[in-house]
């Protein structure tokens, strides 16, 4: 799934890294606990979170994630946006709650650790 498709499905606002919208991603996870992301997440390209601090960007960078979607109308700080731009991580923000956002992406074929066989 293209990141631009995620943006459209979640009716999300683009915060930075428009050039990354055409990247393809094959998995996602949702968490507000970065320790869980570090401990349990493998090969996830998209992180959905309501946590707004620079640790989110650092975690995504360490895990080689391509996109962060902030849920519940949360917006990253200017410092976070700068870090994301330096790493080429697309930042999106949606008004949807995490449960709904994850459900929309899952029902449209973006899974955890696998690609849907159709």
PDB file of N, CA and C in Angstrom:
ATOM      1  N   UNK A   1       0.851  -1.178   0.000  1.00  0.00           N
ATOM      2  CA  UNK A   1       0.000   0.000   0.000  1.00  0.00           C
ATOM      3  C   UNK A   1       0.899   1.243   0.000  1.00  0.00           C
ATOM      4  N   UNK A   2       0.557   2.201  -0.814  1.00  0.00           N
ATOM      5  CA  UNK A   2       1.313   3.450  -0.833  1.00  0.00           C
ATOM      6  C   UNK A   2       0.957   4.290   0.395  1.00  0.00           C
ATOM      7  N   UNK A   3       1.926   5.055   0.865  1.00  0.00           N
ATOM      8  CA  UNK A   3       1.667   5.950   1.998  1.00  0.00           C
ATOM      9  C   UNK A   3       0.601   6.969   1.623  1.00  0.00           C
ATOM     10  N   UNK A   4       0.539   7.355   0.362  1.00  0.00           N
ATOM     11  CA  UNK A   4      -0.512   8.284  -0.077  1.00  0.00           C
ATOM     12  C   UNK A   4      -1.903   7.665   0.100  1.00  0.00           C
ATOM     13  N   UNK A   5      -2.004   6.357  -0.062  1.00  0.00           N
ATOM     14  CA  UNK A   5      -3.274   5.666   0.151  1.00  0.00           C
ATOM     15  C   UNK A   5      -3.643   5.703   1.628  1.00  0.00           C
ATOM     16  N   UNK A   6      -2.668   5.508   2.494  1.00  0.00           N
ATOM     17  CA  UNK A   6      -2.901   5.601   3.942  1.00  0.00           C
ATOM     18  C   UNK A   6      -3.420   6.990   4.281  1.00  0.00           C
ATOM     19  N   UNK A   7      -2.780   8.010   3.731  1.00  0.00           N
ATOM     20  CA  UNK A   7      -3.208   9.398   3.957  1.00  0.00           C
ATOM     21  C   UNK A   7      -4.674   9.568   3.570  1.00  0.00           C
ATOM     22  N   UNK A   8      -5.042   9.047   2.403  1.00  0.00           N
ATOM     23  CA  UNK A   8      -6.418   9.192   1.926  1.00  0.00           C
ATOM     24  C   UNK A   8      -7.405   8.387   2.765  1.00  0.00           C
ATOM     25  N   UNK A   9      -7.062   7.136   3.088  1.00  0.00           N
ATOM     26  CA  UNK A   9      -7.961   6.281   3.871  1.00  0.00           C
ATOM     27  C   UNK A   9      -8.257   6.875   5.247  1.00  0.00           C
ATOM     28  N   UNK A  10      -7.247   7.508   5.835  1.00  0.00           N
ATOM     29  CA  UNK A  10      -7.404   8.051   7.189  1.00  0.00           C
ATOM     30  C   UNK A  10      -7.783   9.525   7.189  1.00  0.00           C
ATOM     31  N   UNK A  11      -8.004  10.078   5.991  1.00  0.00           N
ATOM     32  CA  UNK A  11      -8.319  11.500   5.866  1.00  0.00           C
ATOM     33  C   UNK A  11      -7.310  12.313   6.684  1.00  0.00           C
ATOM     34  N   UNK A  12      -6.029  12.004   6.461  1.00  0.00           N
ATOM     35  CA  UNK A  12      -4.950  12.570   7.262  1.00  0.00           C
ATOM     36  C   UNK A  12      -4.326  13.795   6.616  1.00  0.00           C
ATOM     37  N   UNK A  13      -3.770  14.628   7.467  1.00  0.00           N
ATOM     38  CA  UNK A  13      -3.034  15.812   7.044  1.00  0.00           C
ATOM     39  C   UNK A  13      -1.555  15.444   6.919  1.00  0.00           C
ATOM     40  N   UNK A  14      -0.917  15.877   5.858  1.00  0.00           N
ATOM     41  CA  UNK A  14       0.512  15.668   5.679  1.00  0.00           C
ATOM     42  C   UNK A  14       1.267  16.732   6.470  1.00  0.00           C
ATOM     43  N   UNK A  15       2.161  16.290   7.339  1.00  0.00           N
ATOM     44  CA  UNK A  15       2.962  17.217   8.141  1.00  0.00           C
ATOM     45  C   UNK A  15       4.314  17.468   7.468  1.00  0.00           C
ATOM     46  N   UNK A  16       4.966  16.397   7.006  1.00  0.00           N
ATOM     47  CA  UNK A  16       6.251  16.569   6.329  1.00  0.00           C
ATOM     48  C   UNK A  16       6.590  15.380   5.446  1.00  0.00           C
ATOM     49  N   UNK A  17       7.572  15.593   4.610  1.00  0.00           N
ATOM     50  CA  UNK A  17       8.164  14.582   3.726  1.00  0.00           C
ATOM     51  C   UNK A  17       7.208  14.106   2.634  1.00  0.00           C
ATOM     52  N   UNK A  18       6.640  15.052   1.932  1.00  0.00           N
ATOM     53  CA  UNK A  18       5.714  14.748   0.840  1.00  0.00           C
ATOM     54  C   UNK A  18       6.317  13.794  -0.185  1.00  0.00           C
ATOM     55  N   UNK A  19       7.634  13.885  -0.385  1.00  0.00           N
ATOM     56  CA  UNK A  19       8.292  13.022  -1.370  1.00  0.00           C
ATOM     57  C   UNK A  19       8.175  11.544  -1.012  1.00  0.00           C
ATOM     58  N   UNK A  20       7.899  11.227   0.259  1.00  0.00           N
ATOM     59  CA  UNK A  20       7.768   9.839   0.686  1.00  0.00           C
ATOM     60  C   UNK A  20       6.380   9.250   0.494  1.00  0.00           C
ATOM     61  N   UNK A  21       5.431  10.054   0.056  1.00  0.00           N
ATOM     62  CA  UNK A  21       4.051   9.571  -0.090  1.00  0.00           C
ATOM     63  C   UNK A  21       3.917   8.432  -1.098  1.00  0.00           C
ATOM     64  N   UNK A  22       4.833   8.330  -2.035  1.00  0.00           N
ATOM     65  CA  UNK A  22       4.740   7.285  -3.050  1.00  0.00           C
ATOM     66  C   UNK A  22       5.443   5.993  -2.656  1.00  0.00           C
ATOM     67  N   UNK A  23       6.063   5.970  -1.465  1.00  0.00           N
ATOM     68  CA  UNK A  23       6.686   4.728  -0.988  1.00  0.00           C
ATOM     69  C   UNK A  23       5.613   3.682  -0.704  1.00  0.00           C
ATOM     70  N   UNK A  24       5.944   2.439  -0.962  1.00  0.00           N
ATOM     71  CA  UNK A  24       5.063   1.323  -0.641  1.00  0.00           C
ATOM     72  C   UNK A  24       5.418   0.784   0.735  1.00  0.00           C
ATOM     73  N   UNK A  25       4.407   0.459   1.523  1.00  0.00           N
ATOM     74  CA  UNK A  25       4.599  -0.161   2.828  1.00  0.00           C
ATOM     75  C   UNK A  25       3.715  -1.405   2.899  1.00  0.00           C
ATOM     76  N   UNK A  26       4.128  -2.354   3.729  1.00  0.00           N
ATOM     77  CA  UNK A  26       3.436  -3.640   3.764  1.00  0.00           C
ATOM     78  C   UNK A  26       2.975  -4.046   5.152  1.00  0.00           C
ATOM     79  N   UNK A  27       3.237  -3.202   6.152  1.00  0.00           N
ATOM     80  CA  UNK A  27       2.837  -3.562   7.508  1.00  0.00           C
ATOM     81  C   UNK A  27       2.727  -2.308   8.362  1.00  0.00           C
ATOM     82  N   UNK A  28       2.032  -2.460   9.491  1.00  0.00           N
ATOM     83  CA  UNK A  28       1.832  -1.329  10.400  1.00  0.00           C
ATOM     84  C   UNK A  28       1.642  -1.839  11.821  1.00  0.00           C
ATOM     85  N   UNK A  29       1.799  -0.924  12.775  1.00  0.00           N
ATOM     86  CA  UNK A  29       1.502  -1.244  14.173  1.00  0.00           C
ATOM     87  C   UNK A  29       0.959   0.008  14.839  1.00  0.00           C
ATOM     88  N   UNK A  30       0.218  -0.187  15.914  1.00  0.00           N
ATOM     89  CA  UNK A  30      -0.327   0.919  16.673  1.00  0.00           C
ATOM     90  C   UNK A  30       0.076   0.794  18.125  1.00  0.00           C
ATOM     91  N   UNK A  31       0.728   1.826  18.678  1.00  0.00           N
ATOM     92  CA  UNK A  31       1.142   1.786  20.077  1.00  0.00           C
ATOM     93  C   UNK A  31       1.503   3.176  20.571  1.00  0.00           C
ATOM     94  N   UNK A  32       1.216   3.415  21.845  1.00  0.00           N
ATOM     95  CA  UNK A  32       1.661   4.638  22.511  1.00  0.00           C
ATOM     96  C   UNK A  32       2.858   4.353  23.414  1.00  0.00           C
ATOM     97  N   UNK A  33       3.276   3.108  23.460  1.00  0.00           N
ATOM     98  CA  UNK A  33       4.412   2.729  24.300  1.00  0.00           C
ATOM     99  C   UNK A  33       5.602   2.372  23.409  1.00  0.00           C
ATOM    100  N   UNK A  34       6.576   3.257  23.355  1.00  0.00           N
ATOM    101  CA  UNK A  34       7.721   3.039  22.479  1.00  0.00           C
ATOM    102  C   UNK A  34       8.562   1.854  22.937  1.00  0.00           C
ATOM    103  N   UNK A  35       8.528   1.534  24.218  1.00  0.00           N
ATOM    104  CA  UNK A  35       9.253   0.346  24.685  1.00  0.00           C
ATOM    105  C   UNK A  35       8.654  -0.914  24.065  1.00  0.00           C
ATOM    106  N   UNK A  36       7.334  -0.964  23.906  1.00  0.00           N
ATOM    107  CA  UNK A  36       6.695  -2.103  23.239  1.00  0.00           C
ATOM    108  C   UNK A  36       7.065  -2.147  21.762  1.00  0.00           C
ATOM    109  N   UNK A  37       7.140  -1.000  21.136  1.00  0.00           N
ATOM    110  CA  UNK A  37       7.526  -0.947  19.726  1.00  0.00           C
ATOM    111  C   UNK A  37       8.931  -1.521  19.566  1.00  0.00           C
ATOM    112  N   UNK A  38       9.834  -1.114  20.436  1.00  0.00           N
ATOM    113  CA  UNK A  38      11.219  -1.615  20.366  1.00  0.00           C
ATOM    114  C   UNK A  38      11.301  -3.106  20.665  1.00  0.00           C
ATOM    115  N   UNK A  39      10.496  -3.568  21.610  1.00  0.00           N
ATOM    116  CA  UNK A  39      10.592  -4.960  22.048  1.00  0.00           C
ATOM    117  C   UNK A  39       9.867  -5.948  21.143  1.00  0.00           C
ATOM    118  N   UNK A  40       8.736  -5.549  20.592  1.00  0.00           N
ATOM    119  CA  UNK A  40       7.873  -6.521  19.914  1.00  0.00           C
ATOM    120  C   UNK A  40       7.678  -6.309  18.426  1.00  0.00           C
ATOM    121  N   UNK A  41       7.978  -5.141  17.926  1.00  0.00           N
ATOM    122  CA  UNK A  41       7.681  -4.834  16.538  1.00  0.00           C
ATOM    123  C   UNK A  41       8.850  -5.229  15.648  1.00  0.00           C
ATOM    124  N   UNK A  42       8.536  -5.947  14.601  1.00  0.00           N
ATOM    125  CA  UNK A  42       9.540  -6.355  13.614  1.00  0.00           C
ATOM    126  C   UNK A  42       9.021  -6.029  12.228  1.00  0.00           C
ATOM    127  N   UNK A  43       9.834  -5.402  11.442  1.00  0.00           N
ATOM    128  CA  UNK A  43       9.527  -5.132  10.034  1.00  0.00           C
ATOM    129  C   UNK A  43       8.233  -4.353   9.827  1.00  0.00           C
ATOM    130  N   UNK A  44       7.962  -3.401  10.695  1.00  0.00           N
ATOM    131  CA  UNK A  44       6.782  -2.561  10.522  1.00  0.00           C
ATOM    132  C   UNK A  44       7.211  -1.269   9.839  1.00  0.00           C
ATOM    133  N   UNK A  45       6.487  -0.841   8.852  1.00  0.00           N
ATOM    134  CA  UNK A  45       6.846   0.356   8.109  1.00  0.00           C
ATOM    135  C   UNK A  45       6.076   1.585   8.559  1.00  0.00           C
ATOM    136  N   UNK A  46       4.929   1.375   9.212  1.00  0.00           N
ATOM    137  CA  UNK A  46       4.078   2.485   9.632  1.00  0.00           C
ATOM    138  C   UNK A  46       3.765   2.342  11.118  1.00  0.00           C
ATOM    139  N   UNK A  47       3.924   3.441  11.847  1.00  0.00           N
ATOM    140  CA  UNK A  47       3.593   3.472  13.271  1.00  0.00           C
ATOM    141  C   UNK A  47       2.422   4.415  13.479  1.00  0.00           C
ATOM    142  N   UNK A  48       1.365   3.923  14.120  1.00  0.00           N
ATOM    143  CA  UNK A  48       0.242   4.769  14.505  1.00  0.00           C
ATOM    144  C   UNK A  48       0.352   5.000  16.002  1.00  0.00           C
ATOM    145  N   UNK A  49       0.310   6.258  16.422  1.00  0.00           N
ATOM    146  CA  UNK A  49       0.486   6.579  17.827  1.00  0.00           C
ATOM    147  C   UNK A  49      -0.201   7.887  18.189  1.00  0.00           C
ATOM    148  N   UNK A  50      -0.492   8.032  19.467  1.00  0.00           N
ATOM    149  CA  UNK A  50      -1.012   9.278  19.998  1.00  0.00           C
ATOM    150  C   UNK A  50       0.023   9.975  20.863  1.00  0.00           C
ATOM    151  N   UNK A  51       1.194   9.377  20.968  1.00  0.00           N
ATOM    152  CA  UNK A  51       2.280   9.933  21.766  1.00  0.00           C
ATOM    153  C   UNK A  51       3.000  11.011  20.970  1.00  0.00           C
ATOM    154  N   UNK A  52       3.192  12.156  21.588  1.00  0.00           N
ATOM    155  CA  UNK A  52       3.830  13.273  20.897  1.00  0.00           C
ATOM    156  C   UNK A  52       5.071  13.707  21.672  1.00  0.00           C
ATOM    157  N   UNK A  53       6.190  13.066  21.353  1.00  0.00           N
ATOM    158  CA  UNK A  53       7.494  13.521  21.836  1.00  0.00           C
ATOM    159  C   UNK A  53       8.569  13.011  20.893  1.00  0.00           C
ATOM    160  N   UNK A  54       9.758  13.530  21.036  1.00  0.00           N
ATOM    161  CA  UNK A  54      10.821  13.207  20.079  1.00  0.00           C
ATOM    162  C   UNK A  54      11.222  11.737  20.122  1.00  0.00           C
ATOM    163  N   UNK A  55      10.905  11.038  21.216  1.00  0.00           N
ATOM    164  CA  UNK A  55      11.216   9.618  21.316  1.00  0.00           C
ATOM    165  C   UNK A  55      10.489   8.810  20.234  1.00  0.00           C
ATOM    166  N   UNK A  56       9.337   9.268  19.814  1.00  0.00           N
ATOM    167  CA  UNK A  56       8.581   8.594  18.751  1.00  0.00           C
ATOM    168  C   UNK A  56       9.393   8.603  17.456  1.00  0.00           C
ATOM    169  N   UNK A  57       9.951   9.747  17.120  1.00  0.00           N
ATOM    170  CA  UNK A  57      10.746   9.864  15.894  1.00  0.00           C
ATOM    171  C   UNK A  57      12.004   9.010  16.007  1.00  0.00           C
ATOM    172  N   UNK A  58      12.661   9.073  17.150  1.00  0.00           N
ATOM    173  CA  UNK A  58      13.888   8.287  17.366  1.00  0.00           C
ATOM    174  C   UNK A  58      13.608   6.785  17.269  1.00  0.00           C
ATOM    175  N   UNK A  59      12.493   6.366  17.834  1.00  0.00           N
ATOM    176  CA  UNK A  59      12.122   4.949  17.774  1.00  0.00           C
ATOM    177  C   UNK A  59      11.855   4.530  16.337  1.00  0.00           C
ATOM    178  N   UNK A  60      11.087   5.322  15.628  1.00  0.00           N
ATOM    179  CA  UNK A  60      10.778   5.013  14.220  1.00  0.00           C
ATOM    180  C   UNK A  60      12.060   4.966  13.390  1.00  0.00           C
ATOM    181  N   UNK A  61      12.963   5.869  13.663  1.00  0.00           N
ATOM    182  CA  UNK A  61      14.236   5.897  12.950  1.00  0.00           C
ATOM    183  C   UNK A  61      15.039   4.619  13.225  1.00  0.00           C
ATOM    184  N   UNK A  62      15.100   4.205  14.485  1.00  0.00           N
ATOM    185  CA  UNK A  62      15.832   2.988  14.854  1.00  0.00           C
ATOM    186  C   UNK A  62      15.222   1.746  14.207  1.00  0.00           C
ATOM    187  N   UNK A  63      13.906   1.742  14.065  1.00  0.00           N
ATOM    188  CA  UNK A  63      13.202   0.586  13.515  1.00  0.00           C
ATOM    189  C   UNK A  63      13.038   0.667  11.997  1.00  0.00           C
ATOM    190  N   UNK A  64      13.636   1.672  11.390  1.00  0.00           N
ATOM    191  CA  UNK A  64      13.590   1.866   9.947  1.00  0.00           C
ATOM    192  C   UNK A  64      12.161   1.997   9.413  1.00  0.00           C
ATOM    193  N   UNK A  65      11.319   2.695  10.167  1.00  0.00           N
ATOM    194  CA  UNK A  65       9.936   2.932   9.749  1.00  0.00           C
ATOM    195  C   UNK A  65       9.890   4.072   8.746  1.00  0.00           C
ATOM    196  N   UNK A  66       8.944   4.013   7.844  1.00  0.00           N
ATOM    197  CA  UNK A  66       8.831   4.996   6.765  1.00  0.00           C
ATOM    198  C   UNK A  66       7.809   6.089   7.051  1.00  0.00           C
ATOM    199  N   UNK A  67       6.892   5.825   7.997  1.00  0.00           N
ATOM    200  CA  UNK A  67       5.778   6.751   8.210  1.00  0.00           C
ATOM    201  C   UNK A  67       5.265   6.652   9.646  1.00  0.00           C
ATOM    202  N   UNK A  68       4.924   7.800  10.212  1.00  0.00           N
ATOM    203  CA  UNK A  68       4.265   7.860  11.518  1.00  0.00           C
ATOM    204  C   UNK A  68       2.934   8.574  11.313  1.00  0.00           C
ATOM    205  N   UNK A  69       1.868   7.959  11.826  1.00  0.00           N
ATOM    206  CA  UNK A  69       0.547   8.573  11.784  1.00  0.00           C
ATOM    207  C   UNK A  69       0.154   8.927  13.213  1.00  0.00           C
ATOM    208  N   UNK A  70      -0.031  10.213  13.478  1.00  0.00           N
ATOM    209  CA  UNK A  70      -0.487  10.657  14.785  1.00  0.00           C
ATOM    210  C   UNK A  70      -2.010  10.639  14.784  1.00  0.00           C
ATOM    211  N   UNK A  71      -2.569   9.942  15.753  1.00  0.00           N
ATOM    212  CA  UNK A  71      -4.024   9.792  15.854  1.00  0.00           C
ATOM    213  C   UNK A  71      -4.584  10.783  16.870  1.00  0.00           C
ATOM    214  N   UNK A  72      -5.912  10.837  16.955  1.00  0.00           N
ATOM    215  CA  UNK A  72      -6.622  11.685  17.918  1.00  0.00           C
ATOM    216  C   UNK A  72      -6.256  13.166  17.810  1.00  0.00           C
ATOM    217  N   UNK A  73      -6.034  13.624  16.574  1.00  0.00           N
ATOM    218  CA  UNK A  73      -5.731  15.035  16.301  1.00  0.00           C
ATOM    219  C   UNK A  73      -4.444  15.529  16.953  1.00  0.00           C
ATOM    220  N   UNK A  74      -3.577  14.616  17.331  1.00  0.00           N
ATOM    221  CA  UNK A  74      -2.286  15.010  17.910  1.00  0.00           C
ATOM    222  C   UNK A  74      -1.397  15.539  16.792  1.00  0.00           C
ATOM    223  N   UNK A  75      -0.600  16.539  17.116  1.00  0.00           N
ATOM    224  CA  UNK A  75       0.325  17.121  16.142  1.00  0.00           C
ATOM    225  C   UNK A  75       1.736  17.114  16.709  1.00  0.00           C
ATOM    226  N   UNK A  76       2.717  16.790  15.873  1.00  0.00           N
ATOM    227  CA  UNK A  76       4.105  16.785  16.344  1.00  0.00           C
ATOM    228  C   UNK A  76       4.619  18.203  16.574  1.00  0.00           C
ATOM    229  N   UNK A  77       5.613  18.311  17.424  1.00  0.00           N
ATOM    230  CA  UNK A  77       6.254  19.602  17.672  1.00  0.00           C
ATOM    231  C   UNK A  77       7.164  19.944  16.492  1.00  0.00           C
ATOM    232  N   UNK A  78       7.629  21.183  16.467  1.00  0.00           N
ATOM    233  CA  UNK A  78       8.558  21.607  15.418  1.00  0.00           C
ATOM    234  C   UNK A  78       9.849  20.789  15.487  1.00  0.00           C
ATOM    235  N   UNK A  79      10.301  20.477  16.686  1.00  0.00           N
ATOM    236  CA  UNK A  79      11.514  19.665  16.856  1.00  0.00           C
ATOM    237  C   UNK A  79      11.313  18.264  16.264  1.00  0.00           C
ATOM    238  N   UNK A  80      10.165  17.679  16.528  1.00  0.00           N
ATOM    239  CA  UNK A  80       9.855  16.354  15.991  1.00  0.00           C
ATOM    240  C   UNK A  80       9.807  16.383  14.466  1.00  0.00           C
ATOM    241  N   UNK A  81       9.186  17.395  13.927  1.00  0.00           N
ATOM    242  CA  UNK A  81       9.067  17.525  12.478  1.00  0.00           C
ATOM    243  C   UNK A  81      10.445  17.652  11.841  1.00  0.00           C
ATOM    244  N   UNK A  82      11.315  18.418  12.473  1.00  0.00           N
ATOM    245  CA  UNK A  82      12.679  18.578  11.955  1.00  0.00           C
ATOM    246  C   UNK A  82      13.419  17.244  11.968  1.00  0.00           C
ATOM    247  N   UNK A  83      13.306  16.484  13.057  1.00  0.00           N
ATOM    248  CA  UNK A  83      13.944  15.169  13.147  1.00  0.00           C
ATOM    249  C   UNK A  83      13.419  14.230  12.061  1.00  0.00           C
ATOM    250  N   UNK A  84      12.112  14.256  11.848  1.00  0.00           N
ATOM    251  CA  UNK A  84      11.506  13.401  10.817  1.00  0.00           C
ATOM    252  C   UNK A  84      11.995  13.792   9.427  1.00  0.00           C
ATOM    253  N   UNK A  85      12.068  15.075   9.159  1.00  0.00           N
ATOM    254  CA  UNK A  85      12.546  15.541   7.859  1.00  0.00           C
ATOM    255  C   UNK A  85      13.982  15.085   7.620  1.00  0.00           C
ATOM    256  N   UNK A  86      14.815  15.168   8.654  1.00  0.00           N
ATOM    257  CA  UNK A  86      16.212  14.746   8.536  1.00  0.00           C
ATOM    258  C   UNK A  86      16.321  13.251   8.244  1.00  0.00           C
ATOM    259  N   UNK A  87      15.363  12.482   8.735  1.00  0.00           N
ATOM    260  CA  UNK A  87      15.377  11.027   8.537  1.00  0.00           C
ATOM    261  C   UNK A  87      14.526  10.569   7.360  1.00  0.00           C
ATOM    262  N   UNK A  88      13.780  11.493   6.763  1.00  0.00           N
ATOM    263  CA  UNK A  88      12.918  11.134   5.635  1.00  0.00           C
ATOM    264  C   UNK A  88      11.695  10.334   6.044  1.00  0.00           C
ATOM    265  N   UNK A  89      11.228  10.524   7.276  1.00  0.00           N
ATOM    266  CA  UNK A  89      10.047   9.819   7.771  1.00  0.00           C
ATOM    267  C   UNK A  89       8.812  10.681   7.517  1.00  0.00           C
ATOM    268  N   UNK A  90       7.857  10.144   6.795  1.00  0.00           N
ATOM    269  CA  UNK A  90       6.616  10.863   6.515  1.00  0.00           C
ATOM    270  C   UNK A  90       5.808  10.978   7.805  1.00  0.00           C
ATOM    271  N   UNK A  91       5.341  12.178   8.108  1.00  0.00           N
ATOM    272  CA  UNK A  91       4.467  12.388   9.262  1.00  0.00           C
ATOM    273  C   UNK A  91       3.077  12.758   8.769  1.00  0.00           C
ATOM    274  N   UNK A  92       2.085  12.037   9.289  1.00  0.00           N
ATOM    275  CA  UNK A  92       0.681  12.295   8.993  1.00  0.00           C
ATOM    276  C   UNK A  92      -0.065  12.488  10.308  1.00  0.00           C
ATOM    277  N   UNK A  93      -1.164  13.206  10.268  1.00  0.00           N
ATOM    278  CA  UNK A  93      -2.012  13.378  11.451  1.00  0.00           C
ATOM    279  C   UNK A  93      -3.468  13.187  11.045  1.00  0.00           C
ATOM    280  N   UNK A  94      -4.187  12.394  11.854  1.00  0.00           N
ATOM    281  CA  UNK A  94      -5.598  12.140  11.585  1.00  0.00           C
ATOM    282  C   UNK A  94      -6.430  12.427  12.834  1.00  0.00           C
ATOM    283  N   UNK A  95      -7.675  12.756  12.625  1.00  0.00           N
ATOM    284  CA  UNK A  95      -8.599  12.967  13.742  1.00  0.00           C
ATOM    285  C   UNK A  95      -9.115  11.643  14.299  1.00  0.00           C
ATOM    286  N   UNK A  96      -8.916  10.579  13.555  1.00  0.00           N
ATOM    287  CA  UNK A  96      -9.442   9.271  13.973  1.00  0.00           C
ATOM    288  C   UNK A  96      -8.703   8.750  15.198  1.00  0.00           C
ATOM    289  N   UNK A  97      -9.422   7.964  16.007  1.00  0.00           N
ATOM    290  CA  UNK A  97      -8.795   7.309  17.148  1.00  0.00           C
ATOM    291  C   UNK A  97      -7.975   6.126  16.652  1.00  0.00           C
ATOM    292  N   UNK A  98      -7.056   5.661  17.468  1.00  0.00           N
ATOM    293  CA  UNK A  98      -6.150   4.602  17.032  1.00  0.00           C
ATOM    294  C   UNK A  98      -6.901   3.346  16.625  1.00  0.00           C
ATOM    295  N   UNK A  99      -7.881   2.938  17.401  1.00  0.00           N
ATOM    296  CA  UNK A  99      -8.635   1.724  17.093  1.00  0.00           C
ATOM    297  C   UNK A  99      -9.255   1.809  15.699  1.00  0.00           C
ATOM    298  N   UNK A 100      -9.887   2.926  15.413  1.00  0.00           N
ATOM    299  CA  UNK A 100     -10.527   3.111  14.109  1.00  0.00           C
ATOM    300  C   UNK A 100      -9.494   3.169  12.991  1.00  0.00           C
ATOM    301  N   UNK A 101      -8.421   3.917  13.195  1.00  0.00           N
ATOM    302  CA  UNK A 101      -7.386   4.052  12.164  1.00  0.00           C
ATOM    303  C   UNK A 101      -6.748   2.708  11.842  1.00  0.00           C
ATOM    304  N   UNK A 102      -6.417   1.944  12.878  1.00  0.00           N
ATOM    305  CA  UNK A 102      -5.830   0.616  12.654  1.00  0.00           C
ATOM    306  C   UNK A 102      -6.822  -0.289  11.922  1.00  0.00           C
ATOM    307  N   UNK A 103      -8.086  -0.219  12.317  1.00  0.00           N
ATOM    308  CA  UNK A 103      -9.114  -1.040  11.670  1.00  0.00           C
ATOM    309  C   UNK A 103      -9.275  -0.717  10.201  1.00  0.00           C
ATOM    310  N   UNK A 104      -9.250   0.555   9.870  1.00  0.00           N
ATOM    311  CA  UNK A 104      -9.381   0.980   8.470  1.00  0.00           C
ATOM    312  C   UNK A 104      -8.207   0.431   7.652  1.00  0.00           C
ATOM    313  N   UNK A 105      -7.004   0.573   8.166  1.00  0.00           N
ATOM    314  CA  UNK A 105      -5.828   0.096   7.426  1.00  0.00           C
ATOM    315  C   UNK A 105      -5.840  -1.423   7.303  1.00  0.00           C
ATOM    316  N   UNK A 106      -6.202  -2.101   8.381  1.00  0.00           N
ATOM    317  CA  UNK A 106      -6.247  -3.569   8.354  1.00  0.00           C
ATOM    318  C   UNK A 106      -7.289  -4.058   7.346  1.00  0.00           C
ATOM    319  N   UNK A 107      -8.462  -3.450   7.374  1.00  0.00           N
ATOM    320  CA  UNK A 107      -9.534  -3.901   6.481  1.00  0.00           C
ATOM    321  C   UNK A 107      -9.242  -3.582   5.010  1.00  0.00           C
ATOM    322  N   UNK A 108      -8.266  -2.723   4.776  1.00  0.00           N
ATOM    323  CA  UNK A 108      -7.862  -2.402   3.406  1.00  0.00           C
ATOM    324  C   UNK A 108      -6.573  -3.113   2.993  1.00  0.00           C
ATOM    325  N   UNK A 109      -6.158  -4.101   3.804  1.00  0.00           N
ATOM    326  CA  UNK A 109      -5.051  -4.960   3.395  1.00  0.00           C
ATOM    327  C   UNK A 109      -3.696  -4.694   4.007  1.00  0.00           C
ATOM    328  N   UNK A 110      -3.593  -3.733   4.916  1.00  0.00           N
ATOM    329  CA  UNK A 110      -2.308  -3.466   5.571  1.00  0.00           C
ATOM    330  C   UNK A 110      -2.302  -4.225   6.890  1.00  0.00           C
ATOM    331  N   UNK A 111      -1.468  -5.252   6.963  1.00  0.00           N
ATOM    332  CA  UNK A 111      -1.461  -6.156   8.111  1.00  0.00           C
ATOM    333  C   UNK A 111      -0.252  -5.899   9.000  1.00  0.00           C
ATOM    334  N   UNK A 112      -0.113  -6.756   9.999  1.00  0.00           N
ATOM    335  CA  UNK A 112       1.008  -6.646  10.927  1.00  0.00           C
ATOM    336  C   UNK A 112       2.302  -7.096  10.299  1.00  0.00           C
ATOM    337  N   UNK A 113       2.551  -8.396  10.279  1.00  0.00           N
ATOM    338  CA  UNK A 113       3.810  -8.918   9.779  1.00  0.00           C
ATOM    339  C   UNK A 113       3.681  -9.646   8.465  1.00  0.00           C
ATOM    340  N   UNK A 114       2.557  -9.512   7.802  1.00  0.00           N
ATOM    341  CA  UNK A 114       2.400 -10.253   6.563  1.00  0.00           C
ATOM    342  C   UNK A 114       1.549  -9.469   5.585  1.00  0.00           C
ATOM    343  N   UNK A 115       1.669  -9.814   4.351  1.00  0.00           N
ATOM    344  CA  UNK A 115       0.866  -9.218   3.295  1.00  0.00           C
ATOM    345  C   UNK A 115      -0.297 -10.150   3.028  1.00  0.00           C
ATOM    346  N   UNK A 116      -1.480  -9.606   2.877  1.00  0.00           N
ATOM    347  CA  UNK A 116      -2.679 -10.396   2.623  1.00  0.00           C
ATOM    348  C   UNK A 116      -2.565 -11.126   1.289  1.00  0.00           C
ATOM    349  N   UNK A 117      -2.850 -12.419   1.302  1.00  0.00           N
ATOM    350  CA  UNK A 117      -2.888 -13.203   0.066  1.00  0.00           C
ATOM    351  C   UNK A 117      -4.301 -13.129  -0.497  1.00  0.00           C
ATOM    352  N   UNK A 118      -4.432 -12.523  -1.653  1.00  0.00           N
ATOM    353  CA  UNK A 118      -5.751 -12.352  -2.244  1.00  0.00           C
ATOM    354  C   UNK A 118      -5.921 -13.273  -3.417  1.00  0.00           C
TER     355      UNK A 118
END
